[in-house]
Amino acid sequence: MHLKLSILLILLLTNSVVSFVPLPRSIENFPMDMVWQLDHSQWDILLKKHVDNTGNVDYKGFAQDINALQDYLDYLAKNQPTDKAHKREKLAYYINLYNAATVKLILDNYPTKSIKDIKNPWGKDIVQMGTEKISLGNLEHKILRKMDEPRIHFAINCASFSCPKLLNTAFTATNLEKLLEQTAIDFINDPKRNVLTKEKASLSEIFNWYKKDFTKNGSLIDYLNKYASQKLTSDTKISYLNYNWGLNEIE
């Protein structure tokens, strides 16, 4: 018992690149129940400072903190989750990495009216992970989409008005489930992104582009009805809205 408490105190006093959060069980089981987390607080501070509650970004203000943003990206590059890390830890890491790298891409090319005005924005190897660089496209398609969590499509942001909003809260292993559930509810019921009636559903192109991600365990309507306030039926006609690639900038 004394040895376990001593180890705990040493860990608390050590300046580590990670923090730990004990699960709510007895101290006797503490070493078995530690959940190790990367520190995303720097990203959280930047988001709260430069992103409003609707997901629009003050890129001019963000540019003043570009060094802090780069520091966070450097931190992520040096602390990639291991294969043994919990899925929650990995998802939080890769979602934050995608969003932070996208903001950095916009800042590096600012002013711009759209991410699509940047040459090959999703194909260039700009995201540092360990000793290698990958593209935003590979981060989304070869890592995030492989993790069997379709709600990532409501959490990652492509710096455009029709994208799911950029949250002004960083994802962590602790808040991941709550935030993913909230982003799904918010996005599907947002009339600027999906217009739902019992007779007709005019959906975001996201549900067209990534339909197979949403239909592994049922139909698209089944998936939407998990979160939609307006329930749909098998007779509901589905169409897709034009996608607004305009920069999600605070005006």
C-alpha atoms as a PDB file:
ATOM      1  CA  MET A   1       0.000   0.000   0.000  1.00  0.00           C
ATOM      2  CA  HIS A   2       2.773   2.464   1.021  1.00  0.00           C
ATOM      3  CA  LEU A   3       4.766   1.568  -2.103  1.00  0.00           C
ATOM      4  CA  LYS A   4       1.781   2.284  -4.333  1.00  0.00           C
ATOM      5  CA  LEU A   5       1.210   5.681  -2.732  1.00  0.00           C
ATOM      6  CA  SER A   6       4.898   6.535  -3.065  1.00  0.00           C
ATOM      7  CA  ILE A   7       4.825   5.730  -6.765  1.00  0.00           C
ATOM      8  CA  LEU A   8       1.745   7.923  -7.152  1.00  0.00           C
ATOM      9  CA  LEU A   9       3.439  10.887  -5.439  1.00  0.00           C
ATOM     10  CA  ILE A  10       6.537  10.541  -7.614  1.00  0.00           C
ATOM     11  CA  LEU A  11       4.409  10.559 -10.751  1.00  0.00           C
ATOM     12  CA  LEU A  12       2.519  13.629  -9.583  1.00  0.00           C
ATOM     13  CA  LEU A  13       5.749  15.541  -8.975  1.00  0.00           C
ATOM     14  CA  THR A  14       7.426  14.504 -12.203  1.00  0.00           C
ATOM     15  CA  ASN A  15       7.259  16.951 -15.124  1.00  0.00           C
ATOM     16  CA  SER A  16       5.934  14.564 -17.737  1.00  0.00           C
ATOM     17  CA  VAL A  17       4.639  15.029 -21.271  1.00  0.00           C
ATOM     18  CA  VAL A  18       1.505  13.169 -20.288  1.00  0.00           C
ATOM     19  CA  SER A  19      -1.020  13.393 -17.517  1.00  0.00           C
ATOM     20  CA  PHE A  20      -2.845  10.548 -15.884  1.00  0.00           C
ATOM     21  CA  VAL A  21      -6.434  10.296 -14.802  1.00  0.00           C
ATOM     22  CA  PRO A  22      -7.372   7.553 -12.296  1.00  0.00           C
ATOM     23  CA  LEU A  23     -10.675   5.884 -12.869  1.00  0.00           C
ATOM     24  CA  PRO A  24     -13.116   6.105  -9.951  1.00  0.00           C
ATOM     25  CA  ARG A  25     -12.163   2.901  -8.190  1.00  0.00           C
ATOM     26  CA  SER A  26     -10.407   2.182  -4.939  1.00  0.00           C
ATOM     27  CA  ILE A  27      -6.772   3.130  -4.427  1.00  0.00           C
ATOM     28  CA  GLU A  28      -5.983  -0.559  -4.008  1.00  0.00           C
ATOM     29  CA  ASN A  29      -6.604  -1.049  -7.723  1.00  0.00           C
ATOM     30  CA  PHE A  30      -4.997   2.228  -8.787  1.00  0.00           C
ATOM     31  CA  PRO A  31      -1.995   0.907 -10.800  1.00  0.00           C
ATOM     32  CA  MET A  32      -4.342  -1.215 -12.903  1.00  0.00           C
ATOM     33  CA  ASP A  33      -6.784   1.612 -13.518  1.00  0.00           C
ATOM     34  CA  MET A  34      -4.667   4.517 -14.715  1.00  0.00           C
ATOM     35  CA  VAL A  35      -5.730   6.102 -17.991  1.00  0.00           C
ATOM     36  CA  TRP A  36      -2.795   7.920 -19.545  1.00  0.00           C
ATOM     37  CA  GLN A  37      -3.613  11.006 -21.554  1.00  0.00           C
ATOM     38  CA  LEU A  38      -1.701  13.415 -23.711  1.00  0.00           C
ATOM     39  CA  ASP A  39      -1.975  17.058 -22.742  1.00  0.00           C
ATOM     40  CA  HIS A  40      -4.247  18.922 -25.171  1.00  0.00           C
ATOM     41  CA  SER A  41      -4.675  21.977 -22.938  1.00  0.00           C
ATOM     42  CA  GLN A  42      -2.636  24.267 -25.212  1.00  0.00           C
ATOM     43  CA  TRP A  43      -4.957  23.487 -28.129  1.00  0.00           C
ATOM     44  CA  ASP A  44      -7.983  24.002 -25.873  1.00  0.00           C
ATOM     45  CA  ILE A  45      -6.733  27.465 -24.911  1.00  0.00           C
ATOM     46  CA  LEU A  46      -6.210  28.445 -28.553  1.00  0.00           C
ATOM     47  CA  LEU A  47      -9.655  27.178 -29.556  1.00  0.00           C
ATOM     48  CA  LYS A  48     -11.418  29.051 -26.783  1.00  0.00           C
ATOM     49  CA  LYS A  49      -9.529  32.213 -27.701  1.00  0.00           C
ATOM     50  CA  HIS A  50     -10.076  32.171 -31.465  1.00  0.00           C
ATOM     51  CA  VAL A  51     -13.192  30.059 -32.234  1.00  0.00           C
ATOM     52  CA  ASP A  52     -16.746  31.139 -31.441  1.00  0.00           C
ATOM     53  CA  ASN A  53     -19.621  28.925 -30.346  1.00  0.00           C
ATOM     54  CA  THR A  54     -20.845  28.490 -33.929  1.00  0.00           C
ATOM     55  CA  GLY A  55     -17.481  27.149 -35.075  1.00  0.00           C
ATOM     56  CA  ASN A  56     -16.300  30.211 -36.963  1.00  0.00           C
ATOM     57  CA  VAL A  57     -12.642  31.118 -36.628  1.00  0.00           C
ATOM     58  CA  ASP A  58     -10.843  34.402 -36.060  1.00  0.00           C
ATOM     59  CA  TYR A  59      -7.942  33.581 -38.356  1.00  0.00           C
ATOM     60  CA  LYS A  60      -6.446  37.066 -38.045  1.00  0.00           C
ATOM     61  CA  GLY A  61      -6.293  36.635 -34.286  1.00  0.00           C
ATOM     62  CA  PHE A  62      -5.106  33.033 -34.612  1.00  0.00           C
ATOM     63  CA  ALA A  63      -2.203  34.256 -36.722  1.00  0.00           C
ATOM     64  CA  GLN A  64      -0.913  36.148 -33.690  1.00  0.00           C
ATOM     65  CA  ASP A  65      -0.629  32.800 -31.885  1.00  0.00           C
ATOM     66  CA  ILE A  66       0.839  30.801 -34.758  1.00  0.00           C
ATOM     67  CA  ASN A  67       3.969  30.009 -32.706  1.00  0.00           C
ATOM     68  CA  ALA A  68       1.829  28.523 -29.929  1.00  0.00           C
ATOM     69  CA  LEU A  69      -0.066  26.497 -32.529  1.00  0.00           C
ATOM     70  CA  GLN A  70       3.210  25.208 -33.964  1.00  0.00           C
ATOM     71  CA  ASP A  71       4.406  24.321 -30.475  1.00  0.00           C
ATOM     72  CA  TYR A  72       1.282  22.205 -30.008  1.00  0.00           C
ATOM     73  CA  LEU A  73       1.772  20.492 -33.364  1.00  0.00           C
ATOM     74  CA  ASP A  74       5.403  19.812 -32.452  1.00  0.00           C
ATOM     75  CA  TYR A  75       4.232  18.317 -29.164  1.00  0.00           C
ATOM     76  CA  LEU A  76       1.826  16.012 -30.990  1.00  0.00           C
ATOM     77  CA  ALA A  77       4.529  15.008 -33.460  1.00  0.00           C
ATOM     78  CA  LYS A  78       6.770  13.884 -30.599  1.00  0.00           C
ATOM     79  CA  ASN A  79       4.032  12.099 -28.635  1.00  0.00           C
ATOM     80  CA  GLN A  80       2.120   9.926 -31.084  1.00  0.00           C
ATOM     81  CA  PRO A  81       0.042   7.297 -29.240  1.00  0.00           C
ATOM     82  CA  THR A  82       1.485   3.806 -29.246  1.00  0.00           C
ATOM     83  CA  ASP A  83      -0.350   0.778 -30.575  1.00  0.00           C
ATOM     84  CA  LYS A  84      -1.194  -0.124 -26.985  1.00  0.00           C
ATOM     85  CA  ALA A  85      -2.925   3.197 -26.296  1.00  0.00           C
ATOM     86  CA  HIS A  86      -6.664   3.103 -25.720  1.00  0.00           C
ATOM     87  CA  LYS A  87      -8.867   3.834 -28.724  1.00  0.00           C
ATOM     88  CA  ARG A  88     -10.220   6.944 -26.975  1.00  0.00           C
ATOM     89  CA  GLU A  89      -6.708   8.327 -26.634  1.00  0.00           C
ATOM     90  CA  LYS A  90      -5.944   7.664 -30.281  1.00  0.00           C
ATOM     91  CA  LEU A  91      -9.163   9.196 -31.551  1.00  0.00           C
ATOM     92  CA  ALA A  92      -8.694  12.358 -29.468  1.00  0.00           C
ATOM     93  CA  TYR A  93      -5.111  12.654 -30.684  1.00  0.00           C
ATOM     94  CA  TYR A  94      -5.871  12.238 -34.395  1.00  0.00           C
ATOM     95  CA  ILE A  95      -8.978  14.466 -34.349  1.00  0.00           C
ATOM     96  CA  ASN A  96      -7.057  17.275 -32.653  1.00  0.00           C
ATOM     97  CA  LEU A  97      -4.106  16.747 -34.970  1.00  0.00           C
ATOM     98  CA  TYR A  98      -6.313  16.979 -38.057  1.00  0.00           C
ATOM     99  CA  ASN A  99      -8.048  20.137 -36.873  1.00  0.00           C
ATOM    100  CA  ALA A 100      -4.886  21.868 -35.663  1.00  0.00           C
ATOM    101  CA  ALA A 101      -3.013  21.023 -38.866  1.00  0.00           C
ATOM    102  CA  THR A 102      -5.921  22.352 -40.937  1.00  0.00           C
ATOM    103  CA  VAL A 103      -5.889  25.659 -39.068  1.00  0.00           C
ATOM    104  CA  LYS A 104      -2.118  25.858 -39.577  1.00  0.00           C
ATOM    105  CA  LEU A 105      -2.584  25.208 -43.312  1.00  0.00           C
ATOM    106  CA  ILE A 106      -5.042  28.098 -43.550  1.00  0.00           C
ATOM    107  CA  LEU A 107      -2.760  30.422 -41.588  1.00  0.00           C
ATOM    108  CA  ASP A 108       0.197  29.521 -43.797  1.00  0.00           C
ATOM    109  CA  ASN A 109      -1.853  30.561 -46.833  1.00  0.00           C
ATOM    110  CA  TYR A 110      -3.857  33.406 -45.314  1.00  0.00           C
ATOM    111  CA  PRO A 111      -5.651  35.414 -46.573  1.00  0.00           C
ATOM    112  CA  THR A 112      -7.686  32.945 -48.611  1.00  0.00           C
ATOM    113  CA  LYS A 113     -11.396  32.681 -49.339  1.00  0.00           C
ATOM    114  CA  SER A 114     -11.465  28.895 -49.385  1.00  0.00           C
ATOM    115  CA  ILE A 115      -9.285  25.937 -48.498  1.00  0.00           C
ATOM    116  CA  LYS A 116      -9.857  24.785 -52.066  1.00  0.00           C
ATOM    117  CA  ASP A 117      -7.963  27.851 -53.299  1.00  0.00           C
ATOM    118  CA  ILE A 118      -4.841  26.293 -51.755  1.00  0.00           C
ATOM    119  CA  LYS A 119      -3.022  23.959 -54.093  1.00  0.00           C
ATOM    120  CA  ASN A 120      -3.588  20.296 -53.211  1.00  0.00           C
ATOM    121  CA  PRO A 121      -4.621  20.989 -49.581  1.00  0.00           C
ATOM    122  CA  TRP A 122      -5.416  17.383 -48.701  1.00  0.00           C
ATOM    123  CA  GLY A 123      -2.646  15.752 -50.732  1.00  0.00           C
ATOM    124  CA  LYS A 124       0.496  17.503 -49.527  1.00  0.00           C
ATOM    125  CA  ASP A 125       2.518  15.883 -46.745  1.00  0.00           C
ATOM    126  CA  ILE A 126       2.233  18.620 -44.135  1.00  0.00           C
ATOM    127  CA  VAL A 127       1.297  16.717 -40.956  1.00  0.00           C
ATOM    128  CA  GLN A 128       4.284  15.691 -38.863  1.00  0.00           C
ATOM    129  CA  MET A 129       3.922  12.429 -36.938  1.00  0.00           C
ATOM    130  CA  GLY A 130       7.110  11.185 -35.398  1.00  0.00           C
ATOM    131  CA  THR A 131       9.811  11.142 -38.062  1.00  0.00           C
ATOM    132  CA  GLU A 132       7.430  11.124 -41.021  1.00  0.00           C
ATOM    133  CA  LYS A 133       4.989  13.520 -42.625  1.00  0.00           C
ATOM    134  CA  ILE A 134       1.610  12.558 -44.009  1.00  0.00           C
ATOM    135  CA  SER A 135      -1.176  14.433 -45.765  1.00  0.00           C
ATOM    136  CA  LEU A 136      -4.479  15.513 -44.278  1.00  0.00           C
ATOM    137  CA  GLY A 137      -6.121  13.138 -46.726  1.00  0.00           C
ATOM    138  CA  ASN A 138      -4.128  10.157 -45.475  1.00  0.00           C
ATOM    139  CA  LEU A 139      -4.749  11.172 -41.875  1.00  0.00           C
ATOM    140  CA  GLU A 140      -8.481  11.100 -42.532  1.00  0.00           C
ATOM    141  CA  HIS A 141      -8.788   8.111 -44.862  1.00  0.00           C
ATOM    142  CA  LYS A 142      -5.967   5.811 -43.745  1.00  0.00           C
ATOM    143  CA  ILE A 143      -6.069   6.453 -40.012  1.00  0.00           C
ATOM    144  CA  LEU A 144      -9.273   8.050 -38.718  1.00  0.00           C
ATOM    145  CA  ARG A 145     -11.707   6.247 -41.014  1.00  0.00           C
ATOM    146  CA  LYS A 146      -9.993   2.934 -40.251  1.00  0.00           C
ATOM    147  CA  MET A 147     -10.887   3.301 -36.569  1.00  0.00           C
ATOM    148  CA  ASP A 148     -14.526   2.312 -37.124  1.00  0.00           C
ATOM    149  CA  GLU A 149     -16.015   5.476 -35.633  1.00  0.00           C
ATOM    150  CA  PRO A 150     -18.259   7.296 -38.142  1.00  0.00           C
ATOM    151  CA  ARG A 151     -18.781  10.213 -35.754  1.00  0.00           C
ATOM    152  CA  ILE A 152     -15.286  11.426 -36.640  1.00  0.00           C
ATOM    153  CA  HIS A 153     -16.952  12.991 -39.692  1.00  0.00           C
ATOM    154  CA  PHE A 154     -18.765  15.392 -37.357  1.00  0.00           C
ATOM    155  CA  ALA A 155     -15.610  16.169 -35.364  1.00  0.00           C
ATOM    156  CA  ILE A 156     -12.964  16.958 -37.979  1.00  0.00           C
ATOM    157  CA  ASN A 157     -13.199  20.323 -39.689  1.00  0.00           C
ATOM    158  CA  CYS A 158     -12.159  21.316 -43.218  1.00  0.00           C
ATOM    159  CA  ALA A 159     -12.194  25.072 -42.595  1.00  0.00           C
ATOM    160  CA  SER A 160     -15.406  25.528 -44.602  1.00  0.00           C
ATOM    161  CA  PHE A 161     -18.929  26.677 -43.776  1.00  0.00           C
ATOM    162  CA  SER A 162     -20.592  23.393 -44.764  1.00  0.00           C
ATOM    163  CA  CYS A 163     -18.192  21.330 -42.663  1.00  0.00           C
ATOM    164  CA  PRO A 164     -19.158  20.319 -39.144  1.00  0.00           C
ATOM    165  CA  LYS A 165     -18.288  23.223 -36.890  1.00  0.00           C
ATOM    166  CA  LEU A 166     -14.860  23.417 -35.299  1.00  0.00           C
ATOM    167  CA  LEU A 167     -15.478  22.969 -31.589  1.00  0.00           C
ATOM    168  CA  ASN A 168     -13.844  25.471 -29.267  1.00  0.00           C
ATOM    169  CA  THR A 169     -12.972  22.607 -26.941  1.00  0.00           C
ATOM    170  CA  ALA A 170     -10.124  20.148 -27.449  1.00  0.00           C
ATOM    171  CA  PHE A 171     -10.925  16.448 -27.556  1.00  0.00           C
ATOM    172  CA  THR A 172      -9.442  14.282 -24.815  1.00  0.00           C
ATOM    173  CA  ALA A 173      -9.766  10.620 -23.907  1.00  0.00           C
ATOM    174  CA  THR A 174     -12.022  11.705 -21.048  1.00  0.00           C
ATOM    175  CA  ASN A 175     -14.483  13.908 -22.950  1.00  0.00           C
ATOM    176  CA  LEU A 176     -14.345  12.064 -26.284  1.00  0.00           C
ATOM    177  CA  GLU A 177     -17.611  10.121 -26.062  1.00  0.00           C
ATOM    178  CA  LYS A 178     -19.583  13.121 -24.813  1.00  0.00           C
ATOM    179  CA  LEU A 179     -18.217  15.407 -27.530  1.00  0.00           C
ATOM    180  CA  LEU A 180     -18.636  12.884 -30.350  1.00  0.00           C
ATOM    181  CA  GLU A 181     -22.252  12.336 -29.348  1.00  0.00           C
ATOM    182  CA  GLN A 182     -22.865  16.074 -29.155  1.00  0.00           C
ATOM    183  CA  THR A 183     -21.227  16.778 -32.516  1.00  0.00           C
ATOM    184  CA  ALA A 184     -23.452  14.150 -34.151  1.00  0.00           C
ATOM    185  CA  ILE A 185     -26.601  15.655 -32.651  1.00  0.00           C
ATOM    186  CA  ASP A 186     -25.568  19.214 -33.496  1.00  0.00           C
ATOM    187  CA  PHE A 187     -24.550  18.494 -37.082  1.00  0.00           C
ATOM    188  CA  ILE A 188     -27.507  16.328 -38.075  1.00  0.00           C
ATOM    189  CA  ASN A 189     -30.029  18.766 -36.588  1.00  0.00           C
ATOM    190  CA  ASP A 190     -28.355  21.915 -37.922  1.00  0.00           C
ATOM    191  CA  PRO A 191     -30.700  23.336 -40.613  1.00  0.00           C
ATOM    192  CA  LYS A 192     -27.740  25.046 -42.295  1.00  0.00           C
ATOM    193  CA  ARG A 193     -26.234  21.629 -42.987  1.00  0.00           C
ATOM    194  CA  ASN A 194     -29.212  19.238 -43.112  1.00  0.00           C
ATOM    195  CA  VAL A 195     -32.872  20.029 -43.780  1.00  0.00           C
ATOM    196  CA  LEU A 196     -35.058  17.245 -42.425  1.00  0.00           C
ATOM    197  CA  THR A 197     -38.763  16.627 -42.832  1.00  0.00           C
ATOM    198  CA  LYS A 198     -40.640  13.372 -42.703  1.00  0.00           C
ATOM    199  CA  GLU A 199     -41.194  13.512 -46.464  1.00  0.00           C
ATOM    200  CA  LYS A 200     -37.775  14.763 -47.591  1.00  0.00           C
ATOM    201  CA  ALA A 201     -34.248  14.909 -46.221  1.00  0.00           C
ATOM    202  CA  SER A 202     -31.830  17.328 -47.885  1.00  0.00           C
ATOM    203  CA  LEU A 203     -28.541  16.125 -46.473  1.00  0.00           C
ATOM    204  CA  SER A 204     -24.973  17.285 -46.297  1.00  0.00           C
ATOM    205  CA  GLU A 205     -22.745  15.811 -48.982  1.00  0.00           C
ATOM    206  CA  ILE A 206     -20.806  14.223 -46.121  1.00  0.00           C
ATOM    207  CA  PHE A 207     -23.508  11.550 -45.975  1.00  0.00           C
ATOM    208  CA  ASN A 208     -23.031  10.925 -49.683  1.00  0.00           C
ATOM    209  CA  TRP A 209     -19.225  10.920 -49.745  1.00  0.00           C
ATOM    210  CA  TYR A 210     -18.892   8.649 -46.704  1.00  0.00           C
ATOM    211  CA  LYS A 211     -22.143   6.705 -46.907  1.00  0.00           C
ATOM    212  CA  LYS A 212     -20.471   3.347 -46.347  1.00  0.00           C
ATOM    213  CA  ASP A 213     -19.070   4.578 -43.025  1.00  0.00           C
ATOM    214  CA  PHE A 214     -22.602   5.301 -41.788  1.00  0.00           C
ATOM    215  CA  THR A 215     -24.293   2.170 -43.116  1.00  0.00           C
ATOM    216  CA  LYS A 216     -22.185  -0.676 -41.725  1.00  0.00           C
ATOM    217  CA  ASN A 217     -24.922  -1.621 -39.275  1.00  0.00           C
ATOM    218  CA  GLY A 218     -28.056  -0.470 -41.078  1.00  0.00           C
ATOM    219  CA  SER A 219     -29.401   2.042 -43.547  1.00  0.00           C
ATOM    220  CA  LEU A 220     -28.475   5.708 -43.702  1.00  0.00           C
ATOM    221  CA  ILE A 221     -31.927   6.580 -42.381  1.00  0.00           C
ATOM    222  CA  ASP A 222     -31.340   4.233 -39.445  1.00  0.00           C
ATOM    223  CA  TYR A 223     -28.164   6.095 -38.634  1.00  0.00           C
ATOM    224  CA  LEU A 224     -29.720   9.543 -38.959  1.00  0.00           C
ATOM    225  CA  ASN A 225     -32.646   8.567 -36.738  1.00  0.00           C
ATOM    226  CA  LYS A 226     -30.246   7.833 -33.878  1.00  0.00           C
ATOM    227  CA  TYR A 227     -29.648  11.580 -33.619  1.00  0.00           C
ATOM    228  CA  ALA A 228     -32.326  13.421 -35.616  1.00  0.00           C
ATOM    229  CA  SER A 229     -35.106  15.259 -33.807  1.00  0.00           C
ATOM    230  CA  GLN A 230     -37.250  14.845 -36.919  1.00  0.00           C
ATOM    231  CA  LYS A 231     -37.474  11.115 -37.469  1.00  0.00           C
ATOM    232  CA  LEU A 232     -37.332   9.831 -41.037  1.00  0.00           C
ATOM    233  CA  THR A 233     -39.015   6.833 -42.612  1.00  0.00           C
ATOM    234  CA  SER A 234     -38.164   4.396 -45.379  1.00  0.00           C
ATOM    235  CA  ASP A 235     -40.330   6.559 -47.647  1.00  0.00           C
ATOM    236  CA  THR A 236     -38.374   9.745 -46.941  1.00  0.00           C
ATOM    237  CA  LYS A 237     -36.807  11.029 -50.141  1.00  0.00           C
ATOM    238  CA  ILE A 238     -33.110  11.807 -49.821  1.00  0.00           C
ATOM    239  CA  SER A 239     -31.184  14.447 -51.752  1.00  0.00           C
ATOM    240  CA  TYR A 240     -27.923  16.269 -51.093  1.00  0.00           C
ATOM    241  CA  LEU A 241     -27.226  19.964 -50.618  1.00  0.00           C
ATOM    242  CA  ASN A 242     -24.569  21.971 -52.418  1.00  0.00           C
ATOM    243  CA  TYR A 243     -21.432  22.195 -50.309  1.00  0.00           C
ATOM    244  CA  ASN A 244     -20.254  25.662 -49.290  1.00  0.00           C
ATOM    245  CA  TRP A 245     -16.455  25.672 -49.349  1.00  0.00           C
ATOM    246  CA  GLY A 246     -16.221  29.280 -48.186  1.00  0.00           C
ATOM    247  CA  LEU A 247     -13.751  29.843 -45.371  1.00  0.00           C
ATOM    248  CA  ASN A 248     -15.316  29.440 -41.916  1.00  0.00           C
ATOM    249  CA  GLU A 249     -14.066  32.836 -40.835  1.00  0.00           C
ATOM    250  CA  ILE A 250     -15.565  35.225 -38.328  1.00  0.00           C
ATOM    251  CA  GLU A 251     -16.615  38.273 -40.324  1.00  0.00           C
END
